[in-house]
Amino acid sequence: MSSRVGAADNAQALLQSLGSVQQDARDGSATVHPLVAAAQGQGLMSAFGTIPYAGRWATGEPAVTFNPAEGGSYASTWPEWAYEISKAALLADKRVLLVYENEPFGENLVYVSLTTL
C-alpha cells in the first residue's frame, strides 16, 4: 500500500473519531486541542509550526519547508491540497497544525490547517 493511500485511510479514521468538536477557549485554560487528542488516539503525530518556504520544483510539484515549534526543519514535496494551505500560512505569517504519519513530510500528511495558536 502506498503512503498516500495510508494517509487517506488515516484521514478518514481521524474524521470518524473526531466527529463534531466544540472547544470553548474563552476561559483561557490550557487544554490539548481536540484534533491533537484525536490524532494521538489514532496513533498519528501532530505538530504546530511555521512555513518559511513554499514554492514549486521545475516539474511543477509543490515544495514546502515546515519548521516545527519544537525545532528542526522538514523540506519535501507536498500534495496540492496541503500546498495551498502552506502558501496561505506563509503569506499571512500564520502558524500551521499538521497531523501526519511518522515524520512531517508531504507524503505522510493527513491534515493541515492554519492556526493562531
N, C-alpha and C. Protein backbone atom coordinates (compact mmCIF):
# COMPACT_ATOMS: atom_id res chain seq x y z
N MET A 1 0.85 -1.18 0.00
CA MET A 1 0.00 0.00 0.00
C MET A 1 0.90 1.23 0.00
N SER A 2 0.60 2.20 -0.85
CA SER A 2 1.39 3.42 -0.90
C SER A 2 1.09 4.28 0.32
N SER A 3 2.04 5.18 0.64
CA SER A 3 1.85 6.03 1.81
C SER A 3 0.68 7.00 1.59
N ARG A 4 0.41 7.39 0.34
CA ARG A 4 -0.71 8.30 0.10
C ARG A 4 -2.04 7.60 0.40
N VAL A 5 -2.15 6.31 0.08
CA VAL A 5 -3.36 5.58 0.41
C VAL A 5 -3.47 5.45 1.92
N GLY A 6 -2.35 5.16 2.60
CA GLY A 6 -2.34 5.07 4.05
C GLY A 6 -2.74 6.39 4.69
N ALA A 7 -2.24 7.49 4.15
CA ALA A 7 -2.58 8.81 4.69
C ALA A 7 -4.06 9.08 4.51
N ALA A 8 -4.62 8.72 3.37
CA ALA A 8 -6.05 8.92 3.12
C ALA A 8 -6.88 8.08 4.08
N ASP A 9 -6.46 6.84 4.30
CA ASP A 9 -7.16 5.98 5.25
C ASP A 9 -7.08 6.57 6.66
N ASN A 10 -5.91 7.06 7.04
CA ASN A 10 -5.75 7.68 8.36
C ASN A 10 -6.59 8.93 8.49
N ALA A 11 -6.69 9.71 7.42
CA ALA A 11 -7.52 10.92 7.45
C ALA A 11 -8.97 10.55 7.68
N GLN A 12 -9.44 9.50 7.00
CA GLN A 12 -10.82 9.05 7.18
C GLN A 12 -11.05 8.57 8.60
N ALA A 13 -10.12 7.80 9.15
CA ALA A 13 -10.25 7.32 10.53
C ALA A 13 -10.24 8.48 11.52
N LEU A 14 -9.40 9.47 11.25
CA LEU A 14 -9.34 10.65 12.12
C LEU A 14 -10.66 11.40 12.09
N LEU A 15 -11.21 11.59 10.90
CA LEU A 15 -12.50 12.27 10.78
C LEU A 15 -13.59 11.54 11.56
N GLN A 16 -13.61 10.23 11.44
CA GLN A 16 -14.63 9.44 12.13
C GLN A 16 -14.48 9.51 13.64
N SER A 17 -13.24 9.50 14.12
CA SER A 17 -13.03 9.53 15.57
C SER A 17 -13.28 10.91 16.15
N LEU A 18 -13.09 11.94 15.34
CA LEU A 18 -13.23 13.30 15.83
C LEU A 18 -14.69 13.72 15.95
N GLY A 19 -15.48 13.40 14.92
CA GLY A 19 -16.87 13.82 14.94
C GLY A 19 -16.96 15.34 14.94
N SER A 20 -17.96 15.87 15.56
CA SER A 20 -18.12 17.31 15.70
C SER A 20 -17.43 17.76 16.98
N VAL A 21 -16.61 18.78 16.88
CA VAL A 21 -15.83 19.24 18.02
C VAL A 21 -16.21 20.67 18.35
N GLN A 22 -16.38 20.91 19.62
CA GLN A 22 -16.60 22.28 20.09
C GLN A 22 -15.62 22.51 21.22
N GLN A 23 -14.87 23.60 21.11
CA GLN A 23 -13.90 23.92 22.15
C GLN A 23 -14.14 25.35 22.61
N ASP A 24 -14.28 25.53 23.90
CA ASP A 24 -14.51 26.85 24.45
C ASP A 24 -13.19 27.36 25.02
N ALA A 25 -12.57 28.29 24.31
CA ALA A 25 -11.27 28.83 24.73
C ALA A 25 -11.42 30.15 25.47
N ARG A 26 -12.62 30.55 25.77
CA ARG A 26 -12.83 31.85 26.42
C ARG A 26 -12.25 31.90 27.83
N ASP A 27 -12.18 30.74 28.49
CA ASP A 27 -11.67 30.76 29.86
C ASP A 27 -10.14 30.77 29.92
N GLY A 28 -9.48 30.62 28.77
CA GLY A 28 -8.03 30.69 28.71
C GLY A 28 -7.32 29.47 29.26
N SER A 29 -8.06 28.40 29.53
CA SER A 29 -7.42 27.21 30.08
C SER A 29 -6.55 26.54 29.02
N ALA A 30 -5.45 25.99 29.48
CA ALA A 30 -4.52 25.30 28.57
C ALA A 30 -4.95 23.85 28.45
N THR A 31 -5.62 23.54 27.35
CA THR A 31 -6.06 22.18 27.11
C THR A 31 -5.46 21.69 25.80
N VAL A 32 -5.43 20.39 25.63
CA VAL A 32 -4.95 19.81 24.38
C VAL A 32 -6.02 20.05 23.32
N HIS A 33 -5.59 20.52 22.17
CA HIS A 33 -6.53 20.74 21.06
C HIS A 33 -7.22 19.41 20.74
N PRO A 34 -8.54 19.41 20.55
CA PRO A 34 -9.27 18.16 20.30
C PRO A 34 -8.73 17.38 19.10
N LEU A 35 -8.28 18.07 18.06
CA LEU A 35 -7.75 17.39 16.90
C LEU A 35 -6.44 16.67 17.24
N VAL A 36 -5.62 17.30 18.08
CA VAL A 36 -4.36 16.67 18.52
C VAL A 36 -4.66 15.42 19.33
N ALA A 37 -5.63 15.52 20.22
CA ALA A 37 -6.02 14.36 21.03
C ALA A 37 -6.56 13.23 20.15
N ALA A 38 -7.39 13.58 19.18
CA ALA A 38 -7.93 12.57 18.27
C ALA A 38 -6.82 11.92 17.45
N ALA A 39 -5.86 12.71 17.00
CA ALA A 39 -4.73 12.18 16.23
C ALA A 39 -3.94 11.19 17.08
N GLN A 40 -3.67 11.56 18.32
CA GLN A 40 -2.93 10.68 19.22
C GLN A 40 -3.69 9.38 19.42
N GLY A 41 -5.00 9.47 19.52
CA GLY A 41 -5.84 8.28 19.68
C GLY A 41 -5.78 7.36 18.48
N GLN A 42 -5.45 7.90 17.31
CA GLN A 42 -5.34 7.11 16.09
C GLN A 42 -3.90 6.66 15.82
N GLY A 43 -2.99 6.99 16.74
CA GLY A 43 -1.59 6.62 16.54
C GLY A 43 -0.85 7.54 15.59
N LEU A 44 -1.39 8.73 15.36
CA LEU A 44 -0.77 9.70 14.47
C LEU A 44 0.00 10.74 15.27
N MET A 45 0.88 11.46 14.60
CA MET A 45 1.67 12.52 15.21
C MET A 45 1.04 13.86 14.83
N SER A 46 1.37 14.90 15.59
CA SER A 46 0.92 16.24 15.24
C SER A 46 1.97 17.24 15.69
N ALA A 47 1.98 18.39 15.03
CA ALA A 47 2.93 19.44 15.40
C ALA A 47 2.40 20.79 14.92
N PHE A 48 2.63 21.80 15.75
CA PHE A 48 2.39 23.18 15.36
C PHE A 48 3.73 23.72 14.85
N GLY A 49 3.69 24.62 13.88
CA GLY A 49 4.93 25.20 13.38
C GLY A 49 4.70 26.25 12.32
N THR A 50 5.77 26.58 11.61
CA THR A 50 5.72 27.63 10.58
C THR A 50 6.16 27.09 9.23
N ILE A 51 5.81 27.84 8.20
CA ILE A 51 6.20 27.53 6.83
C ILE A 51 7.11 28.66 6.36
N PRO A 52 8.44 28.46 6.37
CA PRO A 52 9.33 29.52 5.92
C PRO A 52 9.49 29.58 4.39
N TYR A 53 9.21 28.47 3.72
CA TYR A 53 9.37 28.40 2.26
C TYR A 53 8.24 27.59 1.65
N ALA A 54 7.69 28.08 0.55
CA ALA A 54 6.71 27.34 -0.23
C ALA A 54 6.90 27.74 -1.69
N GLY A 55 7.11 26.77 -2.54
CA GLY A 55 7.35 27.05 -3.95
C GLY A 55 7.06 25.83 -4.80
N ARG A 56 7.66 25.78 -5.96
CA ARG A 56 7.45 24.64 -6.86
C ARG A 56 8.77 24.21 -7.47
N TRP A 57 8.90 22.89 -7.62
CA TRP A 57 10.05 22.34 -8.34
C TRP A 57 9.87 22.62 -9.83
N ALA A 58 10.91 22.45 -10.61
CA ALA A 58 10.83 22.64 -12.06
C ALA A 58 9.79 21.71 -12.69
N THR A 59 9.50 20.60 -12.03
CA THR A 59 8.50 19.64 -12.51
C THR A 59 7.08 20.13 -12.27
N GLY A 60 6.93 21.19 -11.47
CA GLY A 60 5.61 21.71 -11.12
C GLY A 60 5.10 21.22 -9.78
N GLU A 61 5.80 20.27 -9.18
CA GLU A 61 5.36 19.74 -7.88
C GLU A 61 5.61 20.76 -6.76
N PRO A 62 4.68 20.85 -5.81
CA PRO A 62 4.84 21.80 -4.70
C PRO A 62 5.98 21.40 -3.76
N ALA A 63 6.78 22.37 -3.38
CA ALA A 63 7.89 22.17 -2.44
C ALA A 63 7.64 23.04 -1.22
N VAL A 64 7.66 22.44 -0.03
CA VAL A 64 7.36 23.16 1.20
C VAL A 64 8.38 22.79 2.26
N THR A 65 8.76 23.77 3.08
CA THR A 65 9.57 23.53 4.27
C THR A 65 8.71 23.82 5.48
N PHE A 66 8.67 22.87 6.40
CA PHE A 66 7.92 23.01 7.65
C PHE A 66 8.91 23.01 8.81
N ASN A 67 8.79 24.02 9.68
CA ASN A 67 9.62 24.13 10.88
C ASN A 67 8.74 23.95 12.11
N PRO A 68 8.81 22.78 12.76
CA PRO A 68 8.02 22.57 13.97
C PRO A 68 8.46 23.51 15.09
N ALA A 69 7.53 23.88 15.95
CA ALA A 69 7.83 24.77 17.08
C ALA A 69 8.89 24.16 17.99
N GLU A 70 8.96 22.84 18.06
CA GLU A 70 9.93 22.15 18.92
C GLU A 70 11.33 22.17 18.34
N GLY A 71 11.49 22.63 17.10
CA GLY A 71 12.80 22.68 16.45
C GLY A 71 12.88 21.71 15.28
N GLY A 72 13.86 21.93 14.44
CA GLY A 72 14.05 21.10 13.26
C GLY A 72 13.46 21.75 12.02
N SER A 73 13.62 21.07 10.91
CA SER A 73 13.13 21.57 9.64
C SER A 73 12.91 20.38 8.71
N TYR A 74 11.78 20.37 8.00
CA TYR A 74 11.42 19.27 7.11
C TYR A 74 11.03 19.85 5.75
N ALA A 75 11.83 19.57 4.74
CA ALA A 75 11.55 20.04 3.37
C ALA A 75 11.18 18.84 2.52
N SER A 76 10.08 18.98 1.78
CA SER A 76 9.63 17.88 0.93
C SER A 76 8.61 18.37 -0.08
N THR A 77 8.23 17.47 -0.97
CA THR A 77 7.14 17.71 -1.90
C THR A 77 5.84 17.45 -1.17
N TRP A 78 4.92 18.40 -1.23
CA TRP A 78 3.63 18.27 -0.55
C TRP A 78 2.52 18.04 -1.57
N PRO A 79 1.45 17.36 -1.16
CA PRO A 79 0.29 17.23 -2.05
C PRO A 79 -0.33 18.60 -2.29
N GLU A 80 -0.97 18.74 -3.41
CA GLU A 80 -1.54 20.03 -3.81
C GLU A 80 -2.49 20.59 -2.76
N TRP A 81 -3.35 19.74 -2.17
CA TRP A 81 -4.32 20.22 -1.18
C TRP A 81 -3.61 20.85 0.02
N ALA A 82 -2.49 20.31 0.43
CA ALA A 82 -1.75 20.84 1.58
C ALA A 82 -0.90 22.04 1.18
N TYR A 83 -0.42 22.05 -0.05
CA TYR A 83 0.41 23.15 -0.53
C TYR A 83 -0.36 24.47 -0.49
N GLU A 84 -1.61 24.43 -0.89
CA GLU A 84 -2.42 25.66 -0.90
C GLU A 84 -2.54 26.25 0.51
N ILE A 85 -2.67 25.40 1.50
CA ILE A 85 -2.75 25.87 2.88
C ILE A 85 -1.40 26.42 3.34
N SER A 86 -0.31 25.75 2.93
CA SER A 86 1.02 26.22 3.32
C SER A 86 1.31 27.59 2.71
N LYS A 87 0.87 27.79 1.48
CA LYS A 87 1.05 29.09 0.83
C LYS A 87 0.32 30.19 1.59
N ALA A 88 -0.91 29.89 1.97
CA ALA A 88 -1.70 30.86 2.73
C ALA A 88 -1.03 31.18 4.07
N ALA A 89 -0.48 30.16 4.72
CA ALA A 89 0.20 30.37 6.00
C ALA A 89 1.42 31.26 5.83
N LEU A 90 2.19 31.02 4.80
CA LEU A 90 3.39 31.81 4.53
C LEU A 90 3.02 33.27 4.25
N LEU A 91 2.04 33.47 3.39
CA LEU A 91 1.65 34.84 3.01
C LEU A 91 1.02 35.62 4.14
N ALA A 92 0.31 34.93 5.04
CA ALA A 92 -0.36 35.60 6.15
C ALA A 92 0.46 35.57 7.44
N ASP A 93 1.64 34.98 7.37
CA ASP A 93 2.51 34.85 8.55
C ASP A 93 1.77 34.15 9.70
N LYS A 94 1.08 33.05 9.36
CA LYS A 94 0.34 32.26 10.34
C LYS A 94 1.06 30.94 10.59
N ARG A 95 0.77 30.35 11.72
CA ARG A 95 1.29 29.02 12.02
C ARG A 95 0.36 27.97 11.43
N VAL A 96 0.85 26.74 11.33
CA VAL A 96 0.05 25.63 10.86
C VAL A 96 0.04 24.53 11.90
N LEU A 97 -1.00 23.71 11.84
CA LEU A 97 -1.09 22.48 12.60
C LEU A 97 -1.07 21.35 11.59
N LEU A 98 -0.12 20.43 11.74
CA LEU A 98 -0.04 19.26 10.88
C LEU A 98 -0.40 18.02 11.68
N VAL A 99 -1.11 17.11 11.06
CA VAL A 99 -1.30 15.76 11.56
C VAL A 99 -0.70 14.86 10.49
N TYR A 100 0.13 13.91 10.92
CA TYR A 100 0.91 13.12 9.96
C TYR A 100 1.29 11.76 10.52
N GLU A 101 1.76 10.91 9.63
CA GLU A 101 2.30 9.61 9.99
C GLU A 101 3.82 9.75 10.10
N ASN A 102 4.41 9.24 11.15
CA ASN A 102 5.86 9.16 11.34
C ASN A 102 6.58 10.50 11.41
N GLU A 103 6.82 11.15 10.29
CA GLU A 103 7.51 12.44 10.24
C GLU A 103 6.73 13.39 9.33
N PRO A 104 6.87 14.71 9.55
CA PRO A 104 6.04 15.67 8.80
C PRO A 104 6.54 15.97 7.39
N PHE A 105 6.67 14.93 6.59
CA PHE A 105 6.98 15.08 5.17
C PHE A 105 5.68 15.01 4.38
N GLY A 106 5.67 15.59 3.19
CA GLY A 106 4.46 15.70 2.38
C GLY A 106 3.69 14.41 2.19
N GLU A 107 4.40 13.31 1.92
CA GLU A 107 3.70 12.05 1.65
C GLU A 107 3.05 11.46 2.90
N ASN A 108 3.37 11.99 4.07
CA ASN A 108 2.82 11.49 5.32
C ASN A 108 1.69 12.34 5.88
N LEU A 109 1.36 13.44 5.22
CA LEU A 109 0.36 14.37 5.76
C LEU A 109 -1.05 13.78 5.74
N VAL A 110 -1.77 14.00 6.83
CA VAL A 110 -3.15 13.57 6.96
C VAL A 110 -4.08 14.78 7.07
N TYR A 111 -3.57 15.87 7.69
CA TYR A 111 -4.37 17.07 7.93
C TYR A 111 -3.44 18.26 8.04
N VAL A 112 -3.84 19.38 7.49
CA VAL A 112 -3.08 20.64 7.60
C VAL A 112 -4.08 21.77 7.79
N SER A 113 -3.80 22.66 8.76
CA SER A 113 -4.68 23.82 8.93
C SER A 113 -3.88 25.03 9.37
N LEU A 114 -4.42 26.21 9.07
CA LEU A 114 -3.89 27.46 9.58
C LEU A 114 -4.33 27.60 11.03
N THR A 115 -3.51 28.25 11.84
CA THR A 115 -3.89 28.44 13.23
C THR A 115 -3.29 29.71 13.80
N THR A 116 -3.93 30.23 14.81
CA THR A 116 -3.37 31.36 15.55
C THR A 116 -2.85 30.89 16.90
N LEU A 117 -2.91 29.58 17.15
CA LEU A 117 -2.44 29.01 18.42
C LEU A 117 -0.93 28.99 18.47
